[in-house]
């Protein structure tokens, strides 16, 4: 006499298929969250980088002599928008309330009697995906100089 119903093998196979589907869904959700976090961090770091470049333009326009004197120091840590910390950022020198560190690098040259300051801003951070950075650069001159 044969009984109707599920065999133990069929139940195990069904559970394995359901488990694989659930694992795949959780994996997709995890990757999506990780990518979203990275995109947010990259966008924020680009904004922090541009923020320093705009501040540097204001410093240049306010007093080019002081600006160019500060640019002679090749590396600054811009924890805030101020000429306050010479050198590379320490791990504790993040932008307030964030995980981002922000450094400015300067290279000064002369061309046709004009001082050209190449400014590069590097914003960097670490997360579960590793170390990341965003760089922005611009050339600054005294536009009032003929």
N, C-alpha and C. Protein backbone atom coordinates (compact mmCIF):
# COMPACT_ATOMS: atom_id res chain seq x y z
N UNK A 1 0.81 -1.16 0.00
CA UNK A 1 0.00 0.00 0.00
C UNK A 1 0.88 1.26 0.00
N UNK A 2 0.64 2.13 -0.92
CA UNK A 2 1.43 3.36 -1.03
C UNK A 2 0.68 4.48 -0.37
N UNK A 3 1.45 5.32 0.39
CA UNK A 3 0.83 6.48 1.03
C UNK A 3 1.17 7.73 0.23
N UNK A 4 0.23 8.65 0.21
CA UNK A 4 0.45 9.90 -0.49
C UNK A 4 1.09 10.89 0.46
N UNK A 5 1.93 11.78 -0.09
CA UNK A 5 2.57 12.81 0.74
C UNK A 5 3.98 13.07 0.26
N UNK A 6 4.71 13.84 1.04
CA UNK A 6 6.07 14.25 0.70
C UNK A 6 7.07 13.30 1.34
N UNK A 7 8.08 13.00 0.58
CA UNK A 7 9.16 12.21 1.16
C UNK A 7 10.14 13.17 1.84
N UNK A 8 10.93 12.65 2.71
CA UNK A 8 11.91 13.48 3.42
C UNK A 8 12.87 14.13 2.43
N UNK A 9 13.23 13.45 1.37
CA UNK A 9 14.13 14.00 0.36
C UNK A 9 13.51 15.21 -0.33
N UNK A 10 12.26 15.15 -0.67
CA UNK A 10 11.59 16.26 -1.33
C UNK A 10 11.54 17.48 -0.42
N UNK A 11 11.31 17.28 0.86
CA UNK A 11 11.26 18.37 1.83
C UNK A 11 12.63 19.03 1.95
N UNK A 12 13.69 18.24 2.01
CA UNK A 12 15.05 18.79 2.12
C UNK A 12 15.40 19.60 0.86
N UNK A 13 15.05 19.11 -0.30
CA UNK A 13 15.33 19.83 -1.55
C UNK A 13 14.55 21.15 -1.57
N UNK A 14 13.31 21.14 -1.17
CA UNK A 14 12.50 22.36 -1.15
C UNK A 14 13.10 23.38 -0.18
N UNK A 15 13.52 22.93 0.99
CA UNK A 15 14.16 23.83 1.96
C UNK A 15 15.46 24.40 1.42
N UNK A 16 16.23 23.59 0.71
CA UNK A 16 17.49 24.07 0.14
C UNK A 16 17.24 25.15 -0.91
N UNK A 17 16.24 24.95 -1.76
CA UNK A 17 15.91 25.94 -2.79
C UNK A 17 15.44 27.24 -2.13
N UNK A 18 14.59 27.15 -1.15
CA UNK A 18 14.10 28.35 -0.45
C UNK A 18 15.26 29.07 0.24
N UNK A 19 16.16 28.31 0.86
CA UNK A 19 17.32 28.91 1.53
C UNK A 19 18.21 29.65 0.53
N UNK A 20 18.46 29.06 -0.63
CA UNK A 20 19.28 29.71 -1.66
C UNK A 20 18.63 31.02 -2.12
N UNK A 21 17.33 31.01 -2.29
CA UNK A 21 16.62 32.22 -2.73
C UNK A 21 16.73 33.31 -1.65
N UNK A 22 16.55 32.95 -0.41
CA UNK A 22 16.64 33.93 0.68
C UNK A 22 18.05 34.48 0.81
N UNK A 23 19.06 33.62 0.70
CA UNK A 23 20.45 34.08 0.76
C UNK A 23 20.76 35.04 -0.38
N UNK A 24 20.27 34.74 -1.57
CA UNK A 24 20.51 35.62 -2.72
C UNK A 24 19.85 36.98 -2.51
N UNK A 25 18.64 37.01 -1.98
CA UNK A 25 17.95 38.27 -1.72
C UNK A 25 18.68 39.10 -0.66
N UNK A 26 19.12 38.45 0.41
CA UNK A 26 19.87 39.15 1.46
C UNK A 26 21.18 39.69 0.91
N UNK A 27 21.87 38.91 0.08
CA UNK A 27 23.12 39.35 -0.53
C UNK A 27 22.90 40.57 -1.43
N UNK A 28 21.86 40.56 -2.22
CA UNK A 28 21.54 41.70 -3.09
C UNK A 28 21.23 42.94 -2.25
N UNK A 29 20.49 42.79 -1.19
CA UNK A 29 20.15 43.92 -0.33
C UNK A 29 21.40 44.48 0.34
N UNK A 30 22.28 43.62 0.80
CA UNK A 30 23.52 44.05 1.44
C UNK A 30 24.40 44.82 0.47
N UNK A 31 24.55 44.31 -0.74
CA UNK A 31 25.36 45.00 -1.76
C UNK A 31 24.73 46.34 -2.12
N UNK A 32 23.43 46.39 -2.21
CA UNK A 32 22.74 47.64 -2.53
C UNK A 32 22.98 48.68 -1.45
N UNK A 33 22.89 48.30 -0.21
CA UNK A 33 23.14 49.23 0.91
C UNK A 33 24.59 49.69 0.90
N UNK A 34 25.52 48.77 0.68
CA UNK A 34 26.94 49.13 0.64
C UNK A 34 27.22 50.12 -0.50
N UNK A 35 26.65 49.88 -1.67
CA UNK A 35 26.84 50.79 -2.80
C UNK A 35 26.21 52.15 -2.54
N UNK A 36 25.07 52.17 -1.91
CA UNK A 36 24.41 53.43 -1.57
C UNK A 36 25.26 54.23 -0.59
N UNK A 37 25.80 53.56 0.43
CA UNK A 37 26.67 54.24 1.40
C UNK A 37 27.92 54.80 0.73
N UNK A 38 28.53 54.02 -0.16
CA UNK A 38 29.72 54.48 -0.85
C UNK A 38 29.41 55.69 -1.72
N UNK A 39 28.30 55.64 -2.45
CA UNK A 39 27.92 56.77 -3.30
C UNK A 39 27.68 58.02 -2.47
N UNK A 40 27.02 57.87 -1.34
CA UNK A 40 26.78 59.02 -0.45
C UNK A 40 28.10 59.59 0.04
N UNK A 41 29.01 58.72 0.48
CA UNK A 41 30.31 59.17 0.98
C UNK A 41 31.13 59.85 -0.11
N UNK A 42 31.09 59.31 -1.31
CA UNK A 42 31.85 59.91 -2.41
C UNK A 42 31.29 61.29 -2.76
N UNK A 43 29.98 61.42 -2.76
CA UNK A 43 29.36 62.71 -3.04
C UNK A 43 29.72 63.73 -1.95
N UNK A 44 29.64 63.31 -0.69
CA UNK A 44 30.02 64.21 0.42
C UNK A 44 31.48 64.63 0.33
N UNK A 45 32.35 63.67 0.02
CA UNK A 45 33.77 64.00 -0.04
C UNK A 45 34.06 64.97 -1.20
N UNK A 46 33.37 64.82 -2.31
CA UNK A 46 33.54 65.77 -3.42
C UNK A 46 33.07 67.16 -3.00
N UNK A 47 31.99 67.21 -2.24
CA UNK A 47 31.50 68.50 -1.75
C UNK A 47 32.50 69.14 -0.78
N UNK A 48 33.07 68.33 0.12
CA UNK A 48 34.07 68.86 1.06
C UNK A 48 35.32 69.35 0.32
N UNK A 49 35.69 68.66 -0.74
CA UNK A 49 36.84 69.06 -1.54
C UNK A 49 36.57 70.39 -2.24
N UNK A 50 35.42 70.52 -2.86
CA UNK A 50 35.06 71.76 -3.55
C UNK A 50 34.92 72.92 -2.56
N UNK A 51 34.46 72.60 -1.35
CA UNK A 51 34.32 73.61 -0.31
C UNK A 51 35.66 74.27 -0.01
N UNK A 52 36.71 73.47 0.09
CA UNK A 52 38.05 74.02 0.35
C UNK A 52 38.54 74.83 -0.85
N UNK A 53 38.31 74.33 -2.06
CA UNK A 53 38.76 75.08 -3.23
C UNK A 53 38.08 76.45 -3.30
N UNK A 54 36.80 76.51 -3.00
CA UNK A 54 36.11 77.80 -2.99
C UNK A 54 36.65 78.70 -1.88
N UNK A 55 36.92 78.14 -0.73
CA UNK A 55 37.50 78.91 0.38
C UNK A 55 38.88 79.44 -0.02
N UNK A 56 39.67 78.62 -0.71
CA UNK A 56 41.00 79.06 -1.16
C UNK A 56 40.88 80.21 -2.16
N UNK A 57 39.89 80.14 -3.03
CA UNK A 57 39.68 81.26 -3.97
C UNK A 57 39.37 82.55 -3.20
N UNK A 58 38.56 82.44 -2.15
CA UNK A 58 38.26 83.60 -1.31
C UNK A 58 39.50 84.12 -0.62
N UNK A 59 40.36 83.21 -0.14
CA UNK A 59 41.62 83.62 0.50
C UNK A 59 42.52 84.34 -0.50
N UNK A 60 42.58 83.81 -1.70
CA UNK A 60 43.36 84.45 -2.75
C UNK A 60 42.84 85.86 -3.03
N UNK A 61 41.52 86.00 -3.13
CA UNK A 61 40.93 87.30 -3.46
C UNK A 61 41.06 88.30 -2.32
N UNK A 62 41.07 87.83 -1.08
CA UNK A 62 41.18 88.71 0.07
C UNK A 62 42.58 89.31 0.18
N UNK A 63 43.60 88.45 0.08
CA UNK A 63 44.97 88.94 0.21
C UNK A 63 45.90 87.93 -0.46
N UNK A 64 46.29 88.19 -1.68
CA UNK A 64 47.10 87.24 -2.43
C UNK A 64 48.47 87.03 -1.79
N UNK A 65 49.04 88.07 -1.18
CA UNK A 65 50.35 87.95 -0.54
C UNK A 65 50.30 86.94 0.60
N UNK A 66 49.30 87.06 1.46
CA UNK A 66 49.15 86.11 2.58
C UNK A 66 48.84 84.71 2.05
N UNK A 67 47.97 84.64 1.06
CA UNK A 67 47.61 83.36 0.46
C UNK A 67 48.84 82.66 -0.10
N UNK A 68 49.64 83.37 -0.88
CA UNK A 68 50.81 82.75 -1.50
C UNK A 68 51.85 82.38 -0.45
N UNK A 69 51.95 83.16 0.64
CA UNK A 69 52.88 82.81 1.72
C UNK A 69 52.44 81.51 2.39
N UNK A 70 51.14 81.34 2.62
CA UNK A 70 50.64 80.10 3.21
C UNK A 70 50.82 78.92 2.26
N UNK A 71 50.71 79.19 0.96
CA UNK A 71 50.85 78.12 -0.03
C UNK A 71 52.29 77.63 -0.16
N UNK A 72 53.24 78.41 0.37
CA UNK A 72 54.63 77.95 0.35
C UNK A 72 54.81 76.71 1.23
N UNK A 73 53.97 76.57 2.26
CA UNK A 73 53.94 75.33 3.03
C UNK A 73 53.17 74.34 2.17
N UNK A 74 53.83 73.28 1.78
CA UNK A 74 53.26 72.42 0.75
C UNK A 74 52.03 71.63 1.16
N UNK A 75 51.86 71.32 2.45
CA UNK A 75 50.73 70.48 2.87
C UNK A 75 50.03 71.08 4.09
N UNK A 76 48.70 71.11 4.02
CA UNK A 76 47.87 71.59 5.12
C UNK A 76 46.76 70.58 5.38
N UNK A 77 46.40 70.42 6.65
CA UNK A 77 45.23 69.63 7.03
C UNK A 77 44.08 70.63 7.24
N UNK A 78 43.03 70.50 6.46
CA UNK A 78 41.90 71.42 6.57
C UNK A 78 40.75 70.74 7.31
N UNK A 79 40.93 70.57 8.60
CA UNK A 79 39.87 70.04 9.44
C UNK A 79 38.70 71.03 9.45
N UNK A 80 39.05 72.32 9.46
CA UNK A 80 38.09 73.40 9.29
C UNK A 80 38.60 74.27 8.15
N UNK A 81 37.82 75.26 7.78
CA UNK A 81 38.25 76.17 6.72
C UNK A 81 39.09 77.27 7.34
N UNK A 82 40.34 76.93 7.65
CA UNK A 82 41.27 77.87 8.25
C UNK A 82 42.69 77.37 8.01
N UNK A 83 43.65 78.31 8.02
CA UNK A 83 45.07 77.97 7.90
C UNK A 83 45.56 77.61 9.30
N UNK A 84 45.19 76.45 9.81
CA UNK A 84 45.50 76.18 11.21
C UNK A 84 46.38 74.96 11.45
N UNK A 85 46.42 74.02 10.55
CA UNK A 85 47.14 72.78 10.83
C UNK A 85 48.07 72.42 9.67
N UNK A 86 49.36 72.62 9.87
CA UNK A 86 50.35 72.31 8.83
C UNK A 86 50.62 70.81 8.83
N UNK A 87 50.76 70.25 7.64
CA UNK A 87 51.12 68.84 7.50
C UNK A 87 49.93 67.96 7.20
N UNK A 88 50.19 66.67 7.11
CA UNK A 88 49.12 65.71 6.82
C UNK A 88 48.22 65.57 8.05
N UNK A 89 46.99 65.18 7.80
CA UNK A 89 46.01 65.03 8.88
C UNK A 89 46.32 63.80 9.72
N UNK A 90 46.17 63.96 11.02
CA UNK A 90 46.25 62.83 11.94
C UNK A 90 44.91 62.10 11.90
N UNK A 91 44.88 60.84 12.34
CA UNK A 91 43.60 60.11 12.31
C UNK A 91 42.48 60.81 13.07
N UNK A 92 42.81 61.58 14.08
CA UNK A 92 41.78 62.28 14.86
C UNK A 92 41.33 63.59 14.21
N UNK A 93 42.01 64.04 13.18
CA UNK A 93 41.70 65.32 12.55
C UNK A 93 40.70 65.18 11.41
N UNK A 94 39.50 64.77 11.77
CA UNK A 94 38.44 64.64 10.77
C UNK A 94 37.63 65.93 10.73
N UNK A 95 36.89 66.10 9.65
CA UNK A 95 35.95 67.20 9.57
C UNK A 95 34.90 66.94 10.65
N UNK A 96 34.54 67.95 11.40
CA UNK A 96 33.65 67.79 12.56
C UNK A 96 32.41 66.96 12.23
N UNK A 97 32.19 65.92 13.04
CA UNK A 97 31.00 65.09 12.90
C UNK A 97 31.02 64.12 11.73
N UNK A 98 32.20 63.93 11.11
CA UNK A 98 32.28 63.03 9.95
C UNK A 98 33.47 62.07 10.13
N UNK A 99 33.63 61.19 9.16
CA UNK A 99 34.78 60.29 9.12
C UNK A 99 35.82 60.75 8.10
N UNK A 100 35.60 61.91 7.49
CA UNK A 100 36.44 62.39 6.40
C UNK A 100 37.60 63.23 6.91
N UNK A 101 38.77 63.02 6.29
CA UNK A 101 39.93 63.89 6.51
C UNK A 101 40.20 64.62 5.22
N UNK A 102 40.70 65.87 5.35
CA UNK A 102 40.83 66.74 4.18
C UNK A 102 42.18 67.43 4.21
N UNK A 103 42.96 67.22 3.14
CA UNK A 103 44.30 67.81 3.04
C UNK A 103 44.42 68.63 1.76
N UNK A 104 45.21 69.68 1.86
CA UNK A 104 45.50 70.50 0.70
C UNK A 104 46.98 70.47 0.41
N UNK A 105 47.33 70.34 -0.86
CA UNK A 105 48.72 70.30 -1.31
C UNK A 105 48.93 71.47 -2.26
N UNK A 106 50.05 72.16 -2.11
CA UNK A 106 50.31 73.34 -2.91
C UNK A 106 51.66 73.23 -3.59
N UNK A 107 51.69 73.73 -4.83
CA UNK A 107 52.91 73.78 -5.61
C UNK A 107 52.92 75.14 -6.29
N UNK A 108 53.97 75.91 -6.05
CA UNK A 108 54.06 77.27 -6.59
C UNK A 108 55.08 77.32 -7.72
N UNK A 109 54.70 78.03 -8.79
CA UNK A 109 55.62 78.21 -9.92
C UNK A 109 55.43 79.62 -10.48
N UNK A 110 56.32 79.99 -11.36
CA UNK A 110 56.27 81.30 -12.02
C UNK A 110 56.13 81.07 -13.52
N UNK A 111 55.30 81.90 -14.15
CA UNK A 111 55.15 81.84 -15.59
C UNK A 111 54.90 83.25 -16.10
N UNK A 112 55.84 83.76 -16.86
CA UNK A 112 55.70 85.11 -17.40
C UNK A 112 55.60 86.17 -16.32
N UNK A 113 56.31 85.97 -15.22
CA UNK A 113 56.28 86.93 -14.12
C UNK A 113 55.09 86.79 -13.19
N UNK A 114 54.18 85.86 -13.48
CA UNK A 114 53.01 85.64 -12.64
C UNK A 114 53.23 84.43 -11.75
N UNK A 115 52.78 84.53 -10.51
CA UNK A 115 52.83 83.41 -9.58
C UNK A 115 51.62 82.52 -9.82
N UNK A 116 51.87 81.24 -10.06
CA UNK A 116 50.79 80.27 -10.25
C UNK A 116 50.88 79.26 -9.11
N UNK A 117 49.77 79.12 -8.40
CA UNK A 117 49.71 78.17 -7.29
C UNK A 117 48.76 77.05 -7.69
N UNK A 118 49.34 75.86 -7.80
CA UNK A 118 48.54 74.67 -8.09
C UNK A 118 48.07 74.12 -6.75
N UNK A 119 46.75 74.08 -6.55
CA UNK A 119 46.18 73.57 -5.30
C UNK A 119 45.45 72.26 -5.58
N UNK A 120 45.79 71.24 -4.81
CA UNK A 120 45.12 69.95 -4.90
C UNK A 120 44.54 69.63 -3.54
N UNK A 121 43.27 69.29 -3.50
CA UNK A 121 42.61 68.93 -2.24
C UNK A 121 42.27 67.45 -2.30
N UNK A 122 42.62 66.77 -1.24
CA UNK A 122 42.38 65.33 -1.13
C UNK A 122 41.47 65.10 0.08
N UNK A 123 40.33 64.50 -0.15
CA UNK A 123 39.43 64.11 0.94
C UNK A 123 39.42 62.59 0.96
N UNK A 124 39.66 62.01 2.12
CA UNK A 124 39.75 60.55 2.18
C UNK A 124 39.08 60.01 3.42
N UNK A 125 38.70 58.73 3.34
CA UNK A 125 38.01 58.06 4.43
C UNK A 125 38.19 56.56 4.28
N UNK A 126 37.86 55.85 5.35
CA UNK A 126 37.91 54.38 5.35
C UNK A 126 36.55 53.85 5.76
N UNK A 127 36.18 52.73 5.17
CA UNK A 127 34.96 52.04 5.56
C UNK A 127 35.17 50.54 5.39
N UNK A 128 34.10 49.78 5.46
CA UNK A 128 34.24 48.32 5.36
C UNK A 128 34.77 47.89 3.99
N UNK A 129 34.65 48.76 2.99
CA UNK A 129 35.15 48.44 1.65
C UNK A 129 36.60 48.81 1.43
N UNK A 130 37.24 49.43 2.44
CA UNK A 130 38.64 49.81 2.33
C UNK A 130 38.84 51.30 2.43
N UNK A 131 39.96 51.77 1.87
CA UNK A 131 40.31 53.19 1.89
C UNK A 131 39.87 53.82 0.57
N UNK A 132 39.32 55.03 0.67
CA UNK A 132 38.82 55.74 -0.51
C UNK A 132 39.28 57.19 -0.46
N UNK A 133 39.32 57.83 -1.62
CA UNK A 133 39.66 59.25 -1.65
C UNK A 133 39.08 59.91 -2.89
N UNK A 134 38.91 61.22 -2.75
CA UNK A 134 38.48 62.07 -3.86
C UNK A 134 39.48 63.21 -3.94
N UNK A 135 39.94 63.52 -5.14
CA UNK A 135 40.88 64.64 -5.34
C UNK A 135 40.27 65.67 -6.28
N UNK A 136 40.52 66.93 -5.95
CA UNK A 136 40.14 68.04 -6.82
C UNK A 136 41.34 68.97 -6.91
N UNK A 137 41.53 69.59 -8.07
CA UNK A 137 42.68 70.47 -8.25
C UNK A 137 42.29 71.69 -9.05
N UNK A 138 43.02 72.77 -8.80
CA UNK A 138 42.83 74.00 -9.56
C UNK A 138 44.12 74.81 -9.54
N UNK A 139 44.25 75.70 -10.49
CA UNK A 139 45.38 76.63 -10.51
C UNK A 139 44.86 78.00 -10.10
N UNK A 140 45.60 78.66 -9.20
CA UNK A 140 45.20 79.96 -8.69
C UNK A 140 46.29 80.99 -8.98
N UNK A 141 45.87 82.14 -9.47
CA UNK A 141 46.80 83.24 -9.71
C UNK A 141 46.18 84.50 -9.16
N UNK A 142 46.97 85.55 -9.08
CA UNK A 142 46.44 86.85 -8.69
C UNK A 142 45.85 87.48 -9.95
N UNK A 143 44.55 87.36 -10.12
CA UNK A 143 43.90 87.82 -11.34
C UNK A 143 43.96 89.34 -11.49
N UNK A 144 44.30 90.05 -10.42
CA UNK A 144 44.41 91.51 -10.50
C UNK A 144 45.75 91.93 -11.10
N UNK A 145 46.71 90.99 -11.12
CA UNK A 145 48.04 91.27 -11.64
C UNK A 145 48.00 91.27 -13.18
N UNK A 146 48.62 92.28 -13.78
CA UNK A 146 48.61 92.39 -15.25
C UNK A 146 49.72 91.59 -15.87
